[in-house]
Amino acid sequence: MEKSFYYSVEWSEVSYLKDALDAMEIPYVIEQDSDRLLLDAGHVALVFPDLPVRVYGGVHELFGSHGRRSPV
């Protein structure tokens, strides 16, 4: 999967977000301990490929903000 953007989230939120994304059939991967991603302690990254605008709108609504650009 080509990585486009990501959200940094606390571990405690991963289950809820994973269930929501799976229900919407949105592709993503979970990454942690990456040197290139800006993650706070206790956080992981939900990483997404380029998405169609309507699908991205659902992701934006779920997270309440725009994601961070993935550093390739």
PDB file of N, CA and C in Angstrom:
ATOM      1  N   MET A   1       0.835  -1.169   0.000  1.00  0.00           N
ATOM      2  CA  MET A   1       0.000   0.000   0.000  1.00  0.00           C
ATOM      3  C   MET A   1       0.891   1.248   0.000  1.00  0.00           C
ATOM      4  N   GLU A   2       0.619   2.154  -0.901  1.00  0.00           N
ATOM      5  CA  GLU A   2       1.348   3.415  -0.930  1.00  0.00           C
ATOM      6  C   GLU A   2       0.762   4.338   0.140  1.00  0.00           C
ATOM      7  N   LYS A   3       1.611   4.841   0.997  1.00  0.00           N
ATOM      8  CA  LYS A   3       1.167   5.637   2.137  1.00  0.00           C
ATOM      9  C   LYS A   3       1.018   7.095   1.737  1.00  0.00           C
ATOM     10  N   SER A   4      -0.124   7.693   2.104  1.00  0.00           N
ATOM     11  CA  SER A   4      -0.390   9.078   1.753  1.00  0.00           C
ATOM     12  C   SER A   4      -0.461   9.977   2.987  1.00  0.00           C
ATOM     13  N   PHE A   5      -1.213   9.558   3.999  1.00  0.00           N
ATOM     14  CA  PHE A   5      -1.371  10.376   5.194  1.00  0.00           C
ATOM     15  C   PHE A   5      -1.647   9.474   6.394  1.00  0.00           C
ATOM     16  N   TYR A   6      -1.521  10.059   7.587  1.00  0.00           N
ATOM     17  CA  TYR A   6      -1.737   9.275   8.799  1.00  0.00           C
ATOM     18  C   TYR A   6      -2.284  10.138   9.922  1.00  0.00           C
ATOM     19  N   TYR A   7      -2.834   9.455  10.908  1.00  0.00           N
ATOM     20  CA  TYR A   7      -3.291  10.085  12.142  1.00  0.00           C
ATOM     21  C   TYR A   7      -2.564   9.415  13.295  1.00  0.00           C
ATOM     22  N   SER A   8      -2.099  10.211  14.234  1.00  0.00           N
ATOM     23  CA  SER A   8      -1.493   9.698  15.453  1.00  0.00           C
ATOM     24  C   SER A   8      -2.592   9.599  16.501  1.00  0.00           C
ATOM     25  N   VAL A   9      -2.798   8.394  17.042  1.00  0.00           N
ATOM     26  CA  VAL A   9      -3.868   8.182  18.021  1.00  0.00           C
ATOM     27  C   VAL A   9      -3.340   7.392  19.214  1.00  0.00           C
ATOM     28  N   GLU A  10      -4.000   7.564  20.349  1.00  0.00           N
ATOM     29  CA  GLU A  10      -3.641   6.801  21.536  1.00  0.00           C
ATOM     30  C   GLU A  10      -4.073   5.347  21.368  1.00  0.00           C
ATOM     31  N   TRP A  11      -3.319   4.446  22.001  1.00  0.00           N
ATOM     32  CA  TRP A  11      -3.662   3.023  21.935  1.00  0.00           C
ATOM     33  C   TRP A  11      -5.098   2.774  22.372  1.00  0.00           C
ATOM     34  N   SER A  12      -5.581   3.524  23.351  1.00  0.00           N
ATOM     35  CA  SER A  12      -6.929   3.305  23.880  1.00  0.00           C
ATOM     36  C   SER A  12      -8.020   3.578  22.850  1.00  0.00           C
ATOM     37  N   GLU A  13      -7.714   4.328  21.796  1.00  0.00           N
ATOM     38  CA  GLU A  13      -8.691   4.660  20.761  1.00  0.00           C
ATOM     39  C   GLU A  13      -8.645   3.722  19.563  1.00  0.00           C
ATOM     40  N   VAL A  14      -7.633   2.885  19.483  1.00  0.00           N
ATOM     41  CA  VAL A  14      -7.414   2.075  18.281  1.00  0.00           C
ATOM     42  C   VAL A  14      -8.577   1.118  18.006  1.00  0.00           C
ATOM     43  N   SER A  15      -9.085   0.448  19.017  1.00  0.00           N
ATOM     44  CA  SER A  15     -10.149  -0.534  18.806  1.00  0.00           C
ATOM     45  C   SER A  15     -11.387   0.109  18.187  1.00  0.00           C
ATOM     46  N   TYR A  16     -11.818   1.221  18.755  1.00  0.00           N
ATOM     47  CA  TYR A  16     -12.985   1.932  18.233  1.00  0.00           C
ATOM     48  C   TYR A  16     -12.761   2.381  16.787  1.00  0.00           C
ATOM     49  N   LEU A  17     -11.612   3.001  16.528  1.00  0.00           N
ATOM     50  CA  LEU A  17     -11.319   3.503  15.190  1.00  0.00           C
ATOM     51  C   LEU A  17     -11.180   2.368  14.186  1.00  0.00           C
ATOM     52  N   LYS A  18     -10.547   1.281  14.588  1.00  0.00           N
ATOM     53  CA  LYS A  18     -10.386   0.119  13.717  1.00  0.00           C
ATOM     54  C   LYS A  18     -11.748  -0.444  13.331  1.00  0.00           C
ATOM     55  N   ASP A  19     -12.637  -0.574  14.297  1.00  0.00           N
ATOM     56  CA  ASP A  19     -13.989  -1.075  14.014  1.00  0.00           C
ATOM     57  C   ASP A  19     -14.733  -0.161  13.045  1.00  0.00           C
ATOM     58  N   ALA A  20     -14.618   1.152  13.254  1.00  0.00           N
ATOM     59  CA  ALA A  20     -15.298   2.114  12.389  1.00  0.00           C
ATOM     60  C   ALA A  20     -14.741   2.065  10.963  1.00  0.00           C
ATOM     61  N   LEU A  21     -13.425   2.028  10.833  1.00  0.00           N
ATOM     62  CA  LEU A  21     -12.807   1.988   9.503  1.00  0.00           C
ATOM     63  C   LEU A  21     -13.119   0.684   8.782  1.00  0.00           C
ATOM     64  N   ASP A  22     -13.106  -0.420   9.509  1.00  0.00           N
ATOM     65  CA  ASP A  22     -13.457  -1.706   8.901  1.00  0.00           C
ATOM     66  C   ASP A  22     -14.910  -1.705   8.425  1.00  0.00           C
ATOM     67  N   ALA A  23     -15.807  -1.119   9.218  1.00  0.00           N
ATOM     68  CA  ALA A  23     -17.215  -1.051   8.839  1.00  0.00           C
ATOM     69  C   ALA A  23     -17.416  -0.212   7.581  1.00  0.00           C
ATOM     70  N   MET A  24     -16.591   0.839   7.426  1.00  0.00           N
ATOM     71  CA  MET A  24     -16.671   1.694   6.238  1.00  0.00           C
ATOM     72  C   MET A  24     -15.853   1.134   5.077  1.00  0.00           C
ATOM     73  N   GLU A  25     -15.151   0.010   5.307  1.00  0.00           N
ATOM     74  CA  GLU A  25     -14.321  -0.645   4.295  1.00  0.00           C
ATOM     75  C   GLU A  25     -13.243   0.291   3.740  1.00  0.00           C
ATOM     76  N   ILE A  26     -12.596   1.021   4.642  1.00  0.00           N
ATOM     77  CA  ILE A  26     -11.535   1.946   4.266  1.00  0.00           C
ATOM     78  C   ILE A  26     -10.190   1.279   4.542  1.00  0.00           C
ATOM     79  N   PRO A  27      -9.306   1.237   3.559  1.00  0.00           N
ATOM     80  CA  PRO A  27      -7.999   0.600   3.751  1.00  0.00           C
ATOM     81  C   PRO A  27      -7.088   1.437   4.652  1.00  0.00           C
ATOM     82  N   TYR A  28      -6.340   0.760   5.515  1.00  0.00           N
ATOM     83  CA  TYR A  28      -5.402   1.418   6.421  1.00  0.00           C
ATOM     84  C   TYR A  28      -4.449   0.371   6.980  1.00  0.00           C
ATOM     85  N   VAL A  29      -3.358   0.825   7.555  1.00  0.00           N
ATOM     86  CA  VAL A  29      -2.462  -0.043   8.309  1.00  0.00           C
ATOM     87  C   VAL A  29      -2.133   0.682   9.612  1.00  0.00           C
ATOM     88  N   ILE A  30      -1.774  -0.096  10.619  1.00  0.00           N
ATOM     89  CA  ILE A  30      -1.381   0.460  11.907  1.00  0.00           C
ATOM     90  C   ILE A  30       0.126   0.329  12.030  1.00  0.00           C
ATOM     91  N   GLU A  31       0.801   1.431  12.348  1.00  0.00           N
ATOM     92  CA  GLU A  31       2.256   1.419  12.518  1.00  0.00           C
ATOM     93  C   GLU A  31       2.604   2.023  13.872  1.00  0.00           C
ATOM     94  N   GLN A  32       3.690   1.544  14.434  1.00  0.00           N
ATOM     95  CA  GLN A  32       4.193   2.122  15.678  1.00  0.00           C
ATOM     96  C   GLN A  32       5.707   2.141  15.631  1.00  0.00           C
ATOM     97  N   ASP A  33       6.297   2.937  16.468  1.00  0.00           N
ATOM     98  CA  ASP A  33       7.756   3.018  16.582  1.00  0.00           C
ATOM     99  C   ASP A  33       8.452   3.327  15.262  1.00  0.00           C
ATOM    100  N   SER A  34       7.829   4.138  14.452  1.00  0.00           N
ATOM    101  CA  SER A  34       8.474   4.529  13.203  1.00  0.00           C
ATOM    102  C   SER A  34       9.316   5.777  13.436  1.00  0.00           C
ATOM    103  N   ASP A  35      10.525   5.777  12.940  1.00  0.00           N
ATOM    104  CA  ASP A  35      11.408   6.934  13.084  1.00  0.00           C
ATOM    105  C   ASP A  35      10.918   8.130  12.273  1.00  0.00           C
ATOM    106  N   ARG A  36      10.176   7.870  11.214  1.00  0.00           N
ATOM    107  CA  ARG A  36       9.749   8.941  10.322  1.00  0.00           C
ATOM    108  C   ARG A  36       8.420   9.584  10.712  1.00  0.00           C
ATOM    109  N   LEU A  37       7.612   8.891  11.492  1.00  0.00           N
ATOM    110  CA  LEU A  37       6.317   9.429  11.884  1.00  0.00           C
ATOM    111  C   LEU A  37       6.431  10.168  13.208  1.00  0.00           C
ATOM    112  N   LEU A  38       5.700  11.248  13.337  1.00  0.00           N
ATOM    113  CA  LEU A  38       5.712  12.031  14.567  1.00  0.00           C
ATOM    114  C   LEU A  38       4.671  11.463  15.530  1.00  0.00           C
ATOM    115  N   LEU A  39       5.118  10.576  16.421  1.00  0.00           N
ATOM    116  CA  LEU A  39       4.213   9.917  17.353  1.00  0.00           C
ATOM    117  C   LEU A  39       4.600  10.230  18.786  1.00  0.00           C
ATOM    118  N   ASP A  40       3.617  10.609  19.580  1.00  0.00           N
ATOM    119  CA  ASP A  40       3.851  10.809  21.004  1.00  0.00           C
ATOM    120  C   ASP A  40       3.929   9.452  21.693  1.00  0.00           C
ATOM    121  N   ALA A  41       4.448   9.439  22.913  1.00  0.00           N
ATOM    122  CA  ALA A  41       4.505   8.197  23.695  1.00  0.00           C
ATOM    123  C   ALA A  41       3.090   7.656  23.878  1.00  0.00           C
ATOM    124  N   GLY A  42       2.938   6.350  23.691  1.00  0.00           N
ATOM    125  CA  GLY A  42       1.636   5.713  23.847  1.00  0.00           C
ATOM    126  C   GLY A  42       0.718   5.874  22.651  1.00  0.00           C
ATOM    127  N   HIS A  43       1.245   6.379  21.543  1.00  0.00           N
ATOM    128  CA  HIS A  43       0.459   6.575  20.334  1.00  0.00           C
ATOM    129  C   HIS A  43       0.932   5.621  19.232  1.00  0.00           C
ATOM    130  N   VAL A  44       0.025   5.348  18.315  1.00  0.00           N
ATOM    131  CA  VAL A  44       0.328   4.603  17.097  1.00  0.00           C
ATOM    132  C   VAL A  44      -0.200   5.427  15.926  1.00  0.00           C
ATOM    133  N   ALA A  45       0.185   5.042  14.734  1.00  0.00           N
ATOM    134  CA  ALA A  45      -0.283   5.744  13.535  1.00  0.00           C
ATOM    135  C   ALA A  45      -1.242   4.857  12.759  1.00  0.00           C
ATOM    136  N   LEU A  46      -2.364   5.429  12.373  1.00  0.00           N
ATOM    137  CA  LEU A  46      -3.260   4.795  11.419  1.00  0.00           C
ATOM    138  C   LEU A  46      -2.921   5.444  10.085  1.00  0.00           C
ATOM    139  N   VAL A  47      -2.368   4.644   9.164  1.00  0.00           N
ATOM    140  CA  VAL A  47      -1.818   5.147   7.909  1.00  0.00           C
ATOM    141  C   VAL A  47      -2.749   4.764   6.757  1.00  0.00           C
ATOM    142  N   PHE A  48      -2.987   5.719   5.862  1.00  0.00           N
ATOM    143  CA  PHE A  48      -3.936   5.538   4.768  1.00  0.00           C
ATOM    144  C   PHE A  48      -3.274   5.781   3.415  1.00  0.00           C
ATOM    145  N   PRO A  49      -3.785   5.120   2.367  1.00  0.00           N
ATOM    146  CA  PRO A  49      -3.346   5.433   1.003  1.00  0.00           C
ATOM    147  C   PRO A  49      -4.131   6.656   0.511  1.00  0.00           C
ATOM    148  N   ASP A  50      -3.863   7.111  -0.705  1.00  0.00           N
ATOM    149  CA  ASP A  50      -4.713   8.136  -1.315  1.00  0.00           C
ATOM    150  C   ASP A  50      -6.132   7.588  -1.361  1.00  0.00           C
ATOM    151  N   LEU A  51      -7.088   8.418  -1.014  1.00  0.00           N
ATOM    152  CA  LEU A  51      -8.482   7.989  -0.992  1.00  0.00           C
ATOM    153  C   LEU A  51      -9.317   8.914  -1.876  1.00  0.00           C
ATOM    154  N   PRO A  52     -10.400   8.386  -2.459  1.00  0.00           N
ATOM    155  CA  PRO A  52     -11.318   9.277  -3.177  1.00  0.00           C
ATOM    156  C   PRO A  52     -11.866  10.337  -2.205  1.00  0.00           C
ATOM    157  N   VAL A  53     -12.239  11.481  -2.726  1.00  0.00           N
ATOM    158  CA  VAL A  53     -12.662  12.610  -1.897  1.00  0.00           C
ATOM    159  C   VAL A  53     -13.800  12.225  -0.952  1.00  0.00           C
ATOM    160  N   ARG A  54     -14.791  11.522  -1.415  1.00  0.00           N
ATOM    161  CA  ARG A  54     -15.929  11.150  -0.554  1.00  0.00           C
ATOM    162  C   ARG A  54     -15.497  10.224   0.570  1.00  0.00           C
ATOM    163  N   VAL A  55     -14.596   9.316   0.278  1.00  0.00           N
ATOM    164  CA  VAL A  55     -14.100   8.399   1.306  1.00  0.00           C
ATOM    165  C   VAL A  55     -13.253   9.178   2.317  1.00  0.00           C
ATOM    166  N   TYR A  56     -12.403  10.066   1.800  1.00  0.00           N
ATOM    167  CA  TYR A  56     -11.592  10.897   2.692  1.00  0.00           C
ATOM    168  C   TYR A  56     -12.487  11.734   3.608  1.00  0.00           C
ATOM    169  N   GLY A  57     -13.607  12.186   3.085  1.00  0.00           N
ATOM    170  CA  GLY A  57     -14.551  12.956   3.896  1.00  0.00           C
ATOM    171  C   GLY A  57     -15.025  12.172   5.104  1.00  0.00           C
ATOM    172  N   GLY A  58     -15.264  10.866   4.928  1.00  0.00           N
ATOM    173  CA  GLY A  58     -15.665  10.016   6.043  1.00  0.00           C
ATOM    174  C   GLY A  58     -14.553   9.869   7.068  1.00  0.00           C
ATOM    175  N   VAL A  59     -13.324   9.741   6.592  1.00  0.00           N
ATOM    176  CA  VAL A  59     -12.174   9.630   7.493  1.00  0.00           C
ATOM    177  C   VAL A  59     -11.999  10.946   8.253  1.00  0.00           C
ATOM    178  N   HIS A  60     -12.096  12.054   7.546  1.00  0.00           N
ATOM    179  CA  HIS A  60     -11.969  13.370   8.174  1.00  0.00           C
ATOM    180  C   HIS A  60     -13.033  13.543   9.259  1.00  0.00           C
ATOM    181  N   GLU A  61     -14.236  13.144   8.972  1.00  0.00           N
ATOM    182  CA  GLU A  61     -15.326  13.254   9.952  1.00  0.00           C
ATOM    183  C   GLU A  61     -15.057  12.373  11.174  1.00  0.00           C
ATOM    184  N   LEU A  62     -14.563  11.168  10.946  1.00  0.00           N
ATOM    185  CA  LEU A  62     -14.275  10.243  12.044  1.00  0.00           C
ATOM    186  C   LEU A  62     -13.206  10.802  12.980  1.00  0.00           C
ATOM    187  N   PHE A  63     -12.148  11.366  12.410  1.00  0.00           N
ATOM    188  CA  PHE A  63     -11.038  11.863  13.214  1.00  0.00           C
ATOM    189  C   PHE A  63     -11.206  13.327  13.631  1.00  0.00           C
ATOM    190  N   GLY A  64     -12.044  14.066  12.942  1.00  0.00           N
ATOM    191  CA  GLY A  64     -12.304  15.455  13.279  1.00  0.00           C
ATOM    192  C   GLY A  64     -11.226  16.431  12.840  1.00  0.00           C
ATOM    193  N   SER A  65     -10.330  15.977  11.964  1.00  0.00           N
ATOM    194  CA  SER A  65      -9.270  16.859  11.464  1.00  0.00           C
ATOM    195  C   SER A  65      -8.640  16.213  10.239  1.00  0.00           C
ATOM    196  N   HIS A  66      -7.744  16.990   9.613  1.00  0.00           N
ATOM    197  CA  HIS A  66      -6.989  16.448   8.490  1.00  0.00           C
ATOM    198  C   HIS A  66      -5.820  15.622   9.026  1.00  0.00           C
ATOM    199  N   GLY A  67      -5.446  14.594   8.287  1.00  0.00           N
ATOM    200  CA  GLY A  67      -4.302  13.779   8.674  1.00  0.00           C
ATOM    201  C   GLY A  67      -2.992  14.477   8.352  1.00  0.00           C
ATOM    202  N   ARG A  68      -1.924  13.897   8.877  1.00  0.00           N
ATOM    203  CA  ARG A  68      -0.578  14.399   8.585  1.00  0.00           C
ATOM    204  C   ARG A  68      -0.055  13.698   7.333  1.00  0.00           C
ATOM    205  N   ARG A  69       0.659  14.421   6.529  1.00  0.00           N
ATOM    206  CA  ARG A  69       1.235  13.857   5.304  1.00  0.00           C
ATOM    207  C   ARG A  69       2.265  12.776   5.692  1.00  0.00           C
ATOM    208  N   SER A  70       2.185  11.640   5.032  1.00  0.00           N
ATOM    209  CA  SER A  70       3.114  10.547   5.305  1.00  0.00           C
ATOM    210  C   SER A  70       4.470  10.842   4.663  1.00  0.00           C
ATOM    211  N   PRO A  71       5.553  10.649   5.400  1.00  0.00           N
ATOM    212  CA  PRO A  71       6.883  10.939   4.864  1.00  0.00           C
ATOM    213  C   PRO A  71       7.431   9.818   3.985  1.00  0.00           C
ATOM    214  N   VAL A  72       6.656   9.367   3.051  1.00  0.00           N
ATOM    215  CA  VAL A  72       6.998   8.322   2.081  1.00  0.00           C
ATOM    216  C   VAL A  72       7.272   7.000   2.682  1.00  0.00           C
TER     217      VAL A  72
END
